[in-house]
N, C-alpha and C. Protein backbone atom coordinates (compact mmCIF):
# COMPACT_ATOMS: atom_id res chain seq x y z
N MET A 1 -9.38 9.33 15.60
CA MET A 1 -9.29 9.84 14.24
C MET A 1 -10.43 9.23 13.42
N GLN A 2 -11.05 10.07 12.61
CA GLN A 2 -12.11 9.59 11.73
C GLN A 2 -11.52 8.63 10.70
N PRO A 3 -12.23 7.56 10.39
CA PRO A 3 -11.68 6.55 9.48
C PRO A 3 -11.22 7.12 8.13
N GLU A 4 -11.93 8.10 7.60
CA GLU A 4 -11.56 8.64 6.28
C GLU A 4 -10.25 9.44 6.32
N HIS A 5 -9.70 9.66 7.52
CA HIS A 5 -8.42 10.36 7.65
C HIS A 5 -7.28 9.43 8.08
N GLN A 6 -7.54 8.14 8.16
CA GLN A 6 -6.53 7.21 8.64
C GLN A 6 -5.30 7.12 7.76
N PHE A 7 -5.44 7.43 6.47
CA PHE A 7 -4.30 7.37 5.56
C PHE A 7 -3.57 8.70 5.45
N ASN A 8 -3.90 9.67 6.29
CA ASN A 8 -3.23 10.97 6.23
C ASN A 8 -1.72 10.85 6.38
N PHE A 9 -1.25 9.86 7.14
CA PHE A 9 0.19 9.70 7.35
C PHE A 9 0.92 9.48 6.02
N TRP A 10 0.23 8.99 5.01
CA TRP A 10 0.85 8.61 3.74
C TRP A 10 0.94 9.79 2.76
N ILE A 11 0.16 10.83 3.00
CA ILE A 11 0.13 11.98 2.10
C ILE A 11 1.50 12.66 2.10
N GLY A 12 2.04 12.93 0.92
CA GLY A 12 3.31 13.66 0.83
C GLY A 12 4.23 13.11 -0.24
N GLU A 13 5.47 13.59 -0.18
CA GLU A 13 6.53 13.19 -1.11
C GLU A 13 7.49 12.28 -0.35
N TRP A 14 7.78 11.11 -0.92
CA TRP A 14 8.56 10.10 -0.23
C TRP A 14 9.73 9.60 -1.08
N ASP A 15 10.85 9.34 -0.40
CA ASP A 15 11.94 8.55 -0.96
C ASP A 15 11.76 7.14 -0.42
N CYS A 16 11.88 6.16 -1.30
CA CYS A 16 11.66 4.76 -0.93
C CYS A 16 12.94 3.97 -1.22
N THR A 17 13.32 3.12 -0.29
CA THR A 17 14.51 2.29 -0.48
C THR A 17 14.21 0.87 -0.02
N TRP A 18 14.93 -0.09 -0.65
CA TRP A 18 14.80 -1.49 -0.25
C TRP A 18 16.11 -2.20 -0.55
N ALA A 19 16.18 -3.46 -0.20
CA ALA A 19 17.41 -4.25 -0.35
C ALA A 19 17.94 -4.17 -1.77
N ASP A 20 19.22 -4.48 -1.92
CA ASP A 20 19.90 -4.47 -3.22
C ASP A 20 19.86 -3.10 -3.89
N ASP A 21 19.94 -2.04 -3.08
CA ASP A 21 20.00 -0.66 -3.57
C ASP A 21 18.78 -0.23 -4.37
N GLY A 22 17.63 -0.84 -4.09
CA GLY A 22 16.40 -0.42 -4.75
C GLY A 22 15.99 0.97 -4.30
N ARG A 23 15.55 1.78 -5.26
CA ARG A 23 15.15 3.16 -4.97
C ARG A 23 13.94 3.54 -5.80
N ALA A 24 13.10 4.38 -5.20
CA ALA A 24 11.93 4.90 -5.90
C ALA A 24 11.50 6.20 -5.22
N THR A 25 10.59 6.88 -5.86
CA THR A 25 9.90 8.00 -5.24
C THR A 25 8.42 7.69 -5.25
N ASN A 26 7.72 8.27 -4.32
CA ASN A 26 6.27 8.08 -4.26
C ASN A 26 5.64 9.41 -3.87
N HIS A 27 4.76 9.89 -4.72
CA HIS A 27 4.03 11.14 -4.49
C HIS A 27 2.59 10.74 -4.20
N VAL A 28 2.13 11.06 -2.99
CA VAL A 28 0.80 10.65 -2.55
C VAL A 28 0.01 11.90 -2.18
N LEU A 29 -1.17 12.06 -2.78
CA LEU A 29 -1.96 13.27 -2.54
C LEU A 29 -3.45 12.95 -2.48
N ARG A 30 -4.19 13.90 -1.91
CA ARG A 30 -5.65 13.79 -1.90
C ARG A 30 -6.19 14.47 -3.14
N ILE A 31 -7.18 13.82 -3.79
CA ILE A 31 -7.83 14.38 -4.97
C ILE A 31 -9.35 14.23 -4.83
N LEU A 32 -10.06 14.76 -5.79
CA LEU A 32 -11.52 14.63 -5.86
C LEU A 32 -12.18 15.08 -4.56
N GLY A 33 -11.94 16.34 -4.23
CA GLY A 33 -12.55 16.92 -3.04
C GLY A 33 -11.99 16.37 -1.74
N GLY A 34 -10.81 15.74 -1.81
CA GLY A 34 -10.19 15.18 -0.61
C GLY A 34 -10.69 13.80 -0.25
N ASN A 35 -11.55 13.22 -1.08
CA ASN A 35 -12.14 11.92 -0.76
C ASN A 35 -11.37 10.73 -1.30
N VAL A 36 -10.39 10.98 -2.16
CA VAL A 36 -9.62 9.91 -2.78
C VAL A 36 -8.13 10.20 -2.59
N ILE A 37 -7.37 9.16 -2.28
CA ILE A 37 -5.93 9.29 -2.16
C ILE A 37 -5.31 8.66 -3.41
N GLN A 38 -4.49 9.46 -4.10
CA GLN A 38 -3.83 8.99 -5.31
C GLN A 38 -2.34 8.82 -5.03
N GLU A 39 -1.82 7.65 -5.37
CA GLU A 39 -0.41 7.32 -5.21
C GLU A 39 0.24 7.28 -6.59
N ASN A 40 1.45 7.85 -6.70
CA ASN A 40 2.21 7.83 -7.94
C ASN A 40 3.62 7.33 -7.63
N PHE A 41 3.86 6.05 -7.89
CA PHE A 41 5.09 5.36 -7.55
C PHE A 41 5.99 5.28 -8.77
N SER A 42 7.27 5.62 -8.61
CA SER A 42 8.18 5.61 -9.75
C SER A 42 9.54 5.05 -9.34
N ALA A 43 9.84 3.85 -9.84
CA ALA A 43 11.16 3.24 -9.69
C ALA A 43 11.74 3.07 -11.10
N GLN A 44 12.95 2.59 -11.19
CA GLN A 44 13.60 2.48 -12.49
C GLN A 44 12.76 1.68 -13.48
N ASP A 45 12.33 0.49 -13.10
CA ASP A 45 11.58 -0.37 -14.02
C ASP A 45 10.09 -0.46 -13.70
N LEU A 46 9.67 0.08 -12.59
CA LEU A 46 8.27 -0.02 -12.18
C LEU A 46 7.66 1.36 -12.00
N LYS A 47 6.63 1.62 -12.76
CA LYS A 47 5.84 2.85 -12.63
C LYS A 47 4.41 2.40 -12.35
N GLY A 48 3.83 2.95 -11.32
CA GLY A 48 2.47 2.55 -10.99
C GLY A 48 1.74 3.62 -10.24
N MET A 49 0.43 3.40 -10.13
CA MET A 49 -0.39 4.33 -9.37
C MET A 49 -1.53 3.56 -8.71
N SER A 50 -1.99 4.14 -7.62
CA SER A 50 -3.16 3.57 -6.97
C SER A 50 -4.11 4.69 -6.60
N VAL A 51 -5.36 4.31 -6.43
CA VAL A 51 -6.37 5.20 -5.85
C VAL A 51 -6.98 4.44 -4.68
N SER A 52 -7.17 5.17 -3.59
CA SER A 52 -7.72 4.59 -2.36
C SER A 52 -8.82 5.49 -1.85
N CYS A 53 -9.86 4.89 -1.30
CA CYS A 53 -10.89 5.68 -0.63
C CYS A 53 -11.51 4.85 0.48
N TYR A 54 -12.11 5.57 1.41
CA TYR A 54 -12.77 4.91 2.53
C TYR A 54 -14.23 4.67 2.16
N ASP A 55 -14.65 3.42 2.20
CA ASP A 55 -16.03 3.05 1.91
C ASP A 55 -16.77 2.97 3.25
N ALA A 56 -17.48 4.06 3.58
CA ALA A 56 -18.16 4.15 4.87
C ALA A 56 -19.25 3.09 5.01
N GLU A 57 -19.87 2.71 3.91
CA GLU A 57 -20.93 1.70 3.95
C GLU A 57 -20.41 0.37 4.48
N ARG A 58 -19.21 -0.01 4.03
CA ARG A 58 -18.61 -1.28 4.47
C ARG A 58 -17.64 -1.10 5.62
N GLY A 59 -17.25 0.14 5.92
CA GLY A 59 -16.28 0.39 6.97
C GLY A 59 -14.89 -0.10 6.63
N LEU A 60 -14.53 0.00 5.33
CA LEU A 60 -13.24 -0.51 4.84
C LEU A 60 -12.57 0.51 3.94
N TRP A 61 -11.24 0.45 3.92
CA TRP A 61 -10.48 1.15 2.90
C TRP A 61 -10.43 0.25 1.67
N CYS A 62 -10.56 0.85 0.50
CA CYS A 62 -10.48 0.12 -0.77
C CYS A 62 -9.39 0.77 -1.61
N GLN A 63 -8.54 -0.05 -2.22
CA GLN A 63 -7.46 0.47 -3.06
C GLN A 63 -7.39 -0.34 -4.34
N THR A 64 -7.15 0.37 -5.44
CA THR A 64 -6.89 -0.25 -6.74
C THR A 64 -5.53 0.20 -7.22
N TRP A 65 -4.68 -0.75 -7.61
CA TRP A 65 -3.33 -0.48 -8.10
C TRP A 65 -3.25 -0.93 -9.57
N VAL A 66 -2.61 -0.09 -10.40
CA VAL A 66 -2.29 -0.44 -11.78
C VAL A 66 -0.84 -0.02 -12.05
N ASP A 67 -0.17 -0.71 -13.00
CA ASP A 67 1.22 -0.33 -13.28
C ASP A 67 1.60 -0.62 -14.72
N ASN A 68 2.85 -0.27 -15.05
CA ASN A 68 3.33 -0.38 -16.41
C ASN A 68 3.58 -1.81 -16.86
N SER A 69 3.41 -2.79 -15.97
CA SER A 69 3.51 -4.19 -16.39
C SER A 69 2.13 -4.77 -16.70
N GLY A 70 1.09 -3.94 -16.56
CA GLY A 70 -0.27 -4.40 -16.82
C GLY A 70 -0.96 -4.99 -15.61
N SER A 71 -0.36 -4.85 -14.43
CA SER A 71 -1.00 -5.37 -13.22
C SER A 71 -2.23 -4.56 -12.84
N TYR A 72 -3.23 -5.25 -12.37
CA TYR A 72 -4.42 -4.65 -11.77
C TYR A 72 -4.67 -5.42 -10.48
N LEU A 73 -4.58 -4.72 -9.36
CA LEU A 73 -4.76 -5.36 -8.05
C LEU A 73 -5.77 -4.55 -7.26
N ASP A 74 -6.63 -5.24 -6.52
CA ASP A 74 -7.61 -4.54 -5.69
C ASP A 74 -7.55 -5.10 -4.27
N PHE A 75 -7.61 -4.19 -3.32
CA PHE A 75 -7.42 -4.52 -1.90
C PHE A 75 -8.51 -3.88 -1.05
N THR A 76 -8.75 -4.47 0.11
CA THR A 76 -9.60 -3.85 1.13
C THR A 76 -8.98 -4.10 2.49
N GLY A 77 -9.34 -3.25 3.45
CA GLY A 77 -8.85 -3.45 4.80
C GLY A 77 -8.91 -2.18 5.61
N GLY A 78 -8.04 -2.08 6.59
CA GLY A 78 -8.01 -0.92 7.47
C GLY A 78 -6.97 -1.11 8.55
N PHE A 79 -7.06 -0.25 9.55
CA PHE A 79 -6.11 -0.34 10.65
C PHE A 79 -6.42 -1.54 11.53
N GLU A 80 -5.35 -2.26 11.86
CA GLU A 80 -5.40 -3.35 12.84
C GLU A 80 -4.31 -3.03 13.85
N GLY A 81 -4.73 -2.56 15.02
CA GLY A 81 -3.76 -2.08 15.99
C GLY A 81 -3.09 -0.83 15.44
N GLU A 82 -1.77 -0.86 15.31
CA GLU A 82 -1.03 0.29 14.79
C GLU A 82 -0.54 0.07 13.37
N LYS A 83 -1.13 -0.90 12.68
CA LYS A 83 -0.74 -1.21 11.31
C LYS A 83 -1.93 -1.01 10.37
N MET A 84 -1.66 -0.41 9.23
CA MET A 84 -2.67 -0.36 8.17
C MET A 84 -2.43 -1.59 7.31
N ILE A 85 -3.48 -2.40 7.14
CA ILE A 85 -3.35 -3.65 6.38
C ILE A 85 -4.45 -3.71 5.34
N LEU A 86 -4.05 -3.81 4.08
CA LEU A 86 -4.98 -4.01 2.97
C LEU A 86 -4.64 -5.34 2.33
N ALA A 87 -5.65 -6.17 2.08
CA ALA A 87 -5.41 -7.53 1.61
C ALA A 87 -6.33 -7.89 0.44
N ARG A 88 -5.97 -9.00 -0.21
CA ARG A 88 -6.77 -9.49 -1.33
C ARG A 88 -6.56 -10.98 -1.51
N ASP A 89 -7.55 -11.63 -2.10
CA ASP A 89 -7.40 -13.00 -2.57
C ASP A 89 -6.83 -12.93 -3.98
N ALA A 90 -5.91 -13.83 -4.30
CA ALA A 90 -5.22 -13.76 -5.60
C ALA A 90 -4.98 -15.15 -6.16
N ILE A 91 -4.69 -15.16 -7.45
CA ILE A 91 -4.19 -16.34 -8.14
C ILE A 91 -2.82 -15.96 -8.70
N VAL A 92 -1.77 -16.67 -8.29
CA VAL A 92 -0.42 -16.41 -8.77
C VAL A 92 0.11 -17.71 -9.38
N GLN A 93 0.43 -17.67 -10.65
CA GLN A 93 0.91 -18.85 -11.38
C GLN A 93 -0.02 -20.04 -11.16
N GLY A 94 -1.32 -19.78 -11.24
CA GLY A 94 -2.32 -20.82 -11.13
C GLY A 94 -2.67 -21.27 -9.73
N GLU A 95 -2.02 -20.71 -8.72
CA GLU A 95 -2.23 -21.12 -7.33
C GLU A 95 -2.96 -20.03 -6.55
N ALA A 96 -3.97 -20.42 -5.80
CA ALA A 96 -4.68 -19.47 -4.94
C ALA A 96 -3.81 -19.08 -3.76
N CYS A 97 -3.83 -17.81 -3.42
CA CYS A 97 -3.08 -17.32 -2.26
C CYS A 97 -3.75 -16.03 -1.78
N LYS A 98 -3.22 -15.50 -0.72
CA LYS A 98 -3.62 -14.19 -0.23
C LYS A 98 -2.41 -13.28 -0.33
N GLN A 99 -2.66 -12.02 -0.63
CA GLN A 99 -1.61 -11.02 -0.67
C GLN A 99 -2.05 -9.85 0.19
N ARG A 100 -1.08 -9.17 0.78
CA ARG A 100 -1.43 -8.00 1.56
C ARG A 100 -0.28 -7.00 1.57
N MET A 101 -0.66 -5.76 1.84
CA MET A 101 0.28 -4.67 2.07
C MET A 101 0.12 -4.26 3.52
N VAL A 102 1.25 -4.01 4.18
CA VAL A 102 1.23 -3.63 5.59
C VAL A 102 2.08 -2.38 5.76
N TRP A 103 1.46 -1.29 6.24
CA TRP A 103 2.17 -0.07 6.61
C TRP A 103 2.35 -0.13 8.13
N TYR A 104 3.57 0.06 8.63
CA TYR A 104 3.81 -0.07 10.07
C TYR A 104 5.00 0.79 10.48
N ASN A 105 5.27 0.83 11.78
CA ASN A 105 6.30 1.74 12.33
C ASN A 105 6.04 3.16 11.84
N ILE A 106 4.80 3.56 11.87
CA ILE A 106 4.38 4.82 11.27
C ILE A 106 4.75 6.00 12.17
N LYS A 107 5.59 6.88 11.64
CA LYS A 107 5.99 8.13 12.28
C LYS A 107 5.77 9.26 11.29
N PRO A 108 5.79 10.54 11.73
CA PRO A 108 5.53 11.64 10.79
C PRO A 108 6.50 11.69 9.60
N ASP A 109 7.76 11.28 9.79
CA ASP A 109 8.74 11.44 8.72
C ASP A 109 9.22 10.12 8.12
N HIS A 110 8.69 8.98 8.57
CA HIS A 110 9.07 7.70 7.99
C HIS A 110 8.09 6.60 8.40
N PHE A 111 8.08 5.53 7.64
CA PHE A 111 7.35 4.32 7.99
C PHE A 111 7.91 3.17 7.15
N ASP A 112 7.48 1.97 7.48
CA ASP A 112 7.88 0.78 6.73
C ASP A 112 6.65 0.19 6.04
N TRP A 113 6.89 -0.46 4.91
CA TRP A 113 5.82 -1.07 4.12
C TRP A 113 6.27 -2.44 3.68
N ASN A 114 5.40 -3.42 3.83
CA ASN A 114 5.68 -4.79 3.38
C ASN A 114 4.65 -5.24 2.35
N TRP A 115 5.14 -6.00 1.36
CA TRP A 115 4.29 -6.77 0.46
C TRP A 115 4.43 -8.21 0.94
N GLU A 116 3.31 -8.84 1.29
CA GLU A 116 3.37 -10.17 1.89
C GLU A 116 2.43 -11.13 1.17
N ARG A 117 2.74 -12.42 1.31
CA ARG A 117 1.94 -13.47 0.68
C ARG A 117 1.70 -14.59 1.68
N SER A 118 0.49 -15.15 1.61
CA SER A 118 0.15 -16.31 2.42
C SER A 118 -0.36 -17.42 1.51
N ASP A 119 0.16 -18.63 1.69
CA ASP A 119 -0.30 -19.78 0.93
C ASP A 119 -1.17 -20.72 1.76
N ASP A 120 -1.47 -20.31 3.00
CA ASP A 120 -2.27 -21.16 3.88
C ASP A 120 -3.49 -20.42 4.42
N GLY A 121 -4.09 -19.59 3.57
CA GLY A 121 -5.33 -18.92 3.95
C GLY A 121 -5.17 -17.79 4.94
N GLY A 122 -3.96 -17.26 5.08
CA GLY A 122 -3.72 -16.14 5.98
C GLY A 122 -3.25 -16.55 7.36
N GLN A 123 -2.93 -17.82 7.55
CA GLN A 123 -2.42 -18.26 8.84
C GLN A 123 -0.99 -17.78 9.06
N THR A 124 -0.17 -17.88 8.02
CA THR A 124 1.21 -17.39 8.09
C THR A 124 1.48 -16.53 6.85
N TRP A 125 2.40 -15.58 7.00
CA TRP A 125 2.71 -14.64 5.93
C TRP A 125 4.21 -14.61 5.69
N GLN A 126 4.61 -14.51 4.42
CA GLN A 126 6.01 -14.34 4.05
C GLN A 126 6.17 -12.94 3.46
N VAL A 127 7.18 -12.23 3.93
CA VAL A 127 7.49 -10.91 3.39
C VAL A 127 8.20 -11.10 2.05
N LYS A 128 7.64 -10.54 0.99
CA LYS A 128 8.21 -10.66 -0.35
C LYS A 128 8.96 -9.40 -0.77
N TRP A 129 8.59 -8.26 -0.18
CA TRP A 129 9.22 -6.99 -0.54
C TRP A 129 9.02 -6.05 0.64
N GLN A 130 10.08 -5.45 1.14
CA GLN A 130 10.01 -4.50 2.24
C GLN A 130 10.61 -3.18 1.79
N ILE A 131 9.84 -2.13 1.96
CA ILE A 131 10.28 -0.78 1.56
C ILE A 131 10.33 0.12 2.78
N LYS A 132 11.38 0.91 2.87
CA LYS A 132 11.51 1.95 3.89
C LYS A 132 11.15 3.28 3.24
N TYR A 133 10.17 3.96 3.80
CA TYR A 133 9.74 5.25 3.32
C TYR A 133 10.33 6.35 4.20
N THR A 134 10.90 7.38 3.57
CA THR A 134 11.40 8.56 4.28
C THR A 134 10.84 9.78 3.59
N ARG A 135 10.23 10.65 4.40
CA ARG A 135 9.61 11.86 3.83
C ARG A 135 10.68 12.77 3.27
N LYS A 136 10.43 13.29 2.05
CA LYS A 136 11.33 14.27 1.46
C LYS A 136 11.21 15.57 2.21
N THR A 137 12.33 16.29 2.35
CA THR A 137 12.29 17.56 3.05
C THR A 137 12.30 18.73 2.09
């Protein structure tokens, strides 16, 4: 598969669920001539969007996330084995860390997504939020 099509699995309408009865919807589509993927995430208290594109010059996927809490996050990465992993260096409450998103168990009608954090330079990761995605029919 051509690198610019690696995120095709994510395109569509999704129901998202997580622990403690968390629920959201996510509408993901291609825009700008098919070169940019736009995500529109909507949960009860969290509304956000991201734009992602493949940077052929660097051979990386790049994503920028913004939301209704004022967050601005930027990530880079790509497929590692059968997982899409986008990561960033961050400062959280004054402490340097790494953060990443991991899409895995990818099937046509569902996949899993993790928000993870590392406090030791990426040697070990803690899952902070796990979402189950199911394609809307």
